[in-house]
Amino acid sequence: MGLPPAMATRVVALLMLTMIDSGESKGNRSSHRHFKTVTAMSPLQYQKQTRLLKARLLLIAHGRSVAAAAHEVGYESPTQFSREYARLFSRPLQKIQRKSYRQ
């Protein structure tokens, strides 16, 4: 009995990111190709999406400020974070912030 497919994909992706971050597969095209086969995105895209999803959780469920959420997930620039957030979720942060305060 193995892991459910979604969980297996996440585990493989995290292992691949760890290898890439540690330099074990730096410049290794086959690692990047395998990562993309498993996740349907590049390691950088996967890392960015994972950070933004975690930030969204921090903003909505935990009431963090934009700057605090951006910093907590690894962004140095709240402006860059806001731009990438709006691109991924197709809505500006202001709408998310106002909506979460009303709930």
C-alpha atoms as a PDB file:
ATOM      1  CA  MET A   1       0.000   0.000   0.000  1.00  0.00           C
ATOM      2  CA  GLY A   2       1.586   3.253  -1.154  1.00  0.00           C
ATOM      3  CA  LEU A   3       0.882   6.901  -0.657  1.00  0.00           C
ATOM      4  CA  PRO A   4      -2.168   8.487  -2.290  1.00  0.00           C
ATOM      5  CA  PRO A   5      -1.143   9.989  -5.666  1.00  0.00           C
ATOM      6  CA  ALA A   6      -1.462  13.619  -4.540  1.00  0.00           C
ATOM      7  CA  MET A   7       0.666  12.997  -1.462  1.00  0.00           C
ATOM      8  CA  ALA A   8       3.241  11.000  -3.431  1.00  0.00           C
ATOM      9  CA  THR A   9       3.564  13.869  -5.896  1.00  0.00           C
ATOM     10  CA  ARG A  10       4.155  16.326  -3.059  1.00  0.00           C
ATOM     11  CA  VAL A  11       6.748  14.080  -1.404  1.00  0.00           C
ATOM     12  CA  VAL A  12       8.665  13.626  -4.663  1.00  0.00           C
ATOM     13  CA  ALA A  13       8.500  17.361  -5.347  1.00  0.00           C
ATOM     14  CA  LEU A  14       9.824  18.214  -1.880  1.00  0.00           C
ATOM     15  CA  LEU A  15      12.658  15.693  -2.220  1.00  0.00           C
ATOM     16  CA  MET A  16      13.583  17.120  -5.611  1.00  0.00           C
ATOM     17  CA  LEU A  17      13.538  20.682  -4.258  1.00  0.00           C
ATOM     18  CA  THR A  18      15.792  19.593  -1.393  1.00  0.00           C
ATOM     19  CA  MET A  19      18.238  18.060  -3.862  1.00  0.00           C
ATOM     20  CA  ILE A  20      18.191  21.168  -6.027  1.00  0.00           C
ATOM     21  CA  ASP A  21      18.637  23.510  -3.039  1.00  0.00           C
ATOM     22  CA  SER A  22      21.548  21.456  -1.685  1.00  0.00           C
ATOM     23  CA  GLY A  23      23.301  21.544  -5.040  1.00  0.00           C
ATOM     24  CA  GLU A  24      23.161  17.767  -5.542  1.00  0.00           C
ATOM     25  CA  SER A  25      21.442  18.147  -8.877  1.00  0.00           C
ATOM     26  CA  LYS A  26      22.645  21.580  -9.908  1.00  0.00           C
ATOM     27  CA  GLY A  27      22.615  21.700 -13.662  1.00  0.00           C
ATOM     28  CA  ASN A  28      21.192  18.204 -13.846  1.00  0.00           C
ATOM     29  CA  ARG A  29      18.653  18.342 -16.646  1.00  0.00           C
ATOM     30  CA  SER A  30      17.224  14.919 -15.895  1.00  0.00           C
ATOM     31  CA  SER A  31      16.333  15.978 -12.324  1.00  0.00           C
ATOM     32  CA  HIS A  32      14.532  19.046 -13.601  1.00  0.00           C
ATOM     33  CA  ARG A  33      12.789  17.015 -16.289  1.00  0.00           C
ATOM     34  CA  HIS A  34      11.702  14.395 -13.757  1.00  0.00           C
ATOM     35  CA  PHE A  35      10.491  17.100 -11.377  1.00  0.00           C
ATOM     36  CA  LYS A  36       8.449  18.674 -14.159  1.00  0.00           C
ATOM     37  CA  THR A  37       7.000  15.285 -15.118  1.00  0.00           C
ATOM     38  CA  VAL A  38       5.871  14.671 -11.538  1.00  0.00           C
ATOM     39  CA  THR A  39       4.567  18.157 -10.720  1.00  0.00           C
ATOM     40  CA  ALA A  40       3.741  19.604 -14.174  1.00  0.00           C
ATOM     41  CA  MET A  41       5.819  22.686 -13.309  1.00  0.00           C
ATOM     42  CA  SER A  42       9.435  23.713 -12.898  1.00  0.00           C
ATOM     43  CA  PRO A  43      11.039  23.638  -9.426  1.00  0.00           C
ATOM     44  CA  LEU A  44      10.918  27.438  -9.281  1.00  0.00           C
ATOM     45  CA  GLN A  45       7.247  27.546 -10.282  1.00  0.00           C
ATOM     46  CA  TYR A  46       6.448  24.877  -7.694  1.00  0.00           C
ATOM     47  CA  GLN A  47       8.303  26.735  -4.953  1.00  0.00           C
ATOM     48  CA  LYS A  48       6.605  30.009  -5.863  1.00  0.00           C
ATOM     49  CA  GLN A  49       3.131  28.456  -5.914  1.00  0.00           C
ATOM     50  CA  THR A  50       3.723  26.676  -2.606  1.00  0.00           C
ATOM     51  CA  ARG A  51       4.846  29.916  -0.961  1.00  0.00           C
ATOM     52  CA  LEU A  52       1.865  31.825  -2.311  1.00  0.00           C
ATOM     53  CA  LEU A  53      -0.601  29.157  -1.160  1.00  0.00           C
ATOM     54  CA  LYS A  54       0.896  29.248   2.335  1.00  0.00           C
ATOM     55  CA  ALA A  55       0.724  33.046   2.329  1.00  0.00           C
ATOM     56  CA  ARG A  56      -2.939  32.922   1.292  1.00  0.00           C
ATOM     57  CA  LEU A  57      -3.649  30.670   4.271  1.00  0.00           C
ATOM     58  CA  LEU A  58      -1.811  33.084   6.572  1.00  0.00           C
ATOM     59  CA  LEU A  59      -3.760  36.048   5.202  1.00  0.00           C
ATOM     60  CA  ILE A  60      -7.229  34.508   5.261  1.00  0.00           C
ATOM     61  CA  ALA A  61      -7.199  32.054   8.145  1.00  0.00           C
ATOM     62  CA  HIS A  62      -4.708  33.720  10.465  1.00  0.00           C
ATOM     63  CA  GLY A  63      -5.311  37.399   9.698  1.00  0.00           C
ATOM     64  CA  ARG A  64      -1.658  38.234   8.990  1.00  0.00           C
ATOM     65  CA  SER A  65      -0.808  41.509   7.297  1.00  0.00           C
ATOM     66  CA  VAL A  66       0.435  41.383   3.717  1.00  0.00           C
ATOM     67  CA  ALA A  67       3.965  42.340   4.774  1.00  0.00           C
ATOM     68  CA  ALA A  68       4.036  39.736   7.571  1.00  0.00           C
ATOM     69  CA  ALA A  69       2.719  36.944   5.335  1.00  0.00           C
ATOM     70  CA  ALA A  70       5.148  37.880   2.556  1.00  0.00           C
ATOM     71  CA  HIS A  71       8.095  37.848   4.934  1.00  0.00           C
ATOM     72  CA  GLU A  72       7.017  34.599   6.610  1.00  0.00           C
ATOM     73  CA  VAL A  73       6.967  32.693   3.305  1.00  0.00           C
ATOM     74  CA  GLY A  74      10.299  34.103   2.144  1.00  0.00           C
ATOM     75  CA  TYR A  75       9.611  37.259   0.150  1.00  0.00           C
ATOM     76  CA  GLU A  76      11.823  40.263   0.878  1.00  0.00           C
ATOM     77  CA  SER A  77       9.627  42.651  -1.104  1.00  0.00           C
ATOM     78  CA  PRO A  78       5.910  42.976  -0.279  1.00  0.00           C
ATOM     79  CA  THR A  79       5.480  44.652  -3.681  1.00  0.00           C
ATOM     80  CA  GLN A  80       6.878  41.636  -5.534  1.00  0.00           C
ATOM     81  CA  PHE A  81       4.772  39.353  -3.335  1.00  0.00           C
ATOM     82  CA  SER A  82       1.614  41.345  -4.145  1.00  0.00           C
ATOM     83  CA  ARG A  83       2.345  41.230  -7.863  1.00  0.00           C
ATOM     84  CA  GLU A  84       2.916  37.460  -7.884  1.00  0.00           C
ATOM     85  CA  TYR A  85      -0.106  36.845  -5.629  1.00  0.00           C
ATOM     86  CA  ALA A  86      -2.395  38.781  -7.981  1.00  0.00           C
ATOM     87  CA  ARG A  87      -0.976  36.890 -10.962  1.00  0.00           C
ATOM     88  CA  LEU A  88      -1.572  33.450  -9.418  1.00  0.00           C
ATOM     89  CA  PHE A  89      -4.975  34.069  -7.816  1.00  0.00           C
ATOM     90  CA  SER A  90      -6.328  36.570 -10.386  1.00  0.00           C
ATOM     91  CA  ARG A  91      -7.311  39.062  -7.735  1.00  0.00           C
ATOM     92  CA  PRO A  92      -5.513  41.827  -5.879  1.00  0.00           C
ATOM     93  CA  LEU A  93      -4.634  41.433  -2.218  1.00  0.00           C
ATOM     94  CA  GLN A  94      -6.857  44.338  -1.171  1.00  0.00           C
ATOM     95  CA  LYS A  95      -9.982  42.305  -1.971  1.00  0.00           C
ATOM     96  CA  ILE A  96      -8.727  39.347   0.069  1.00  0.00           C
ATOM     97  CA  GLN A  97      -7.831  41.553   3.025  1.00  0.00           C
ATOM     98  CA  ARG A  98     -11.213  43.317   3.099  1.00  0.00           C
ATOM     99  CA  LYS A  99     -13.110  40.059   2.689  1.00  0.00           C
ATOM    100  CA  SER A 100     -11.255  38.304   5.527  1.00  0.00           C
ATOM    101  CA  TYR A 101     -11.955  41.148   7.961  1.00  0.00           C
ATOM    102  CA  ARG A 102     -15.711  40.976   7.285  1.00  0.00           C
ATOM    103  CA  GLN A 103     -15.971  37.269   8.138  1.00  0.00           C
END
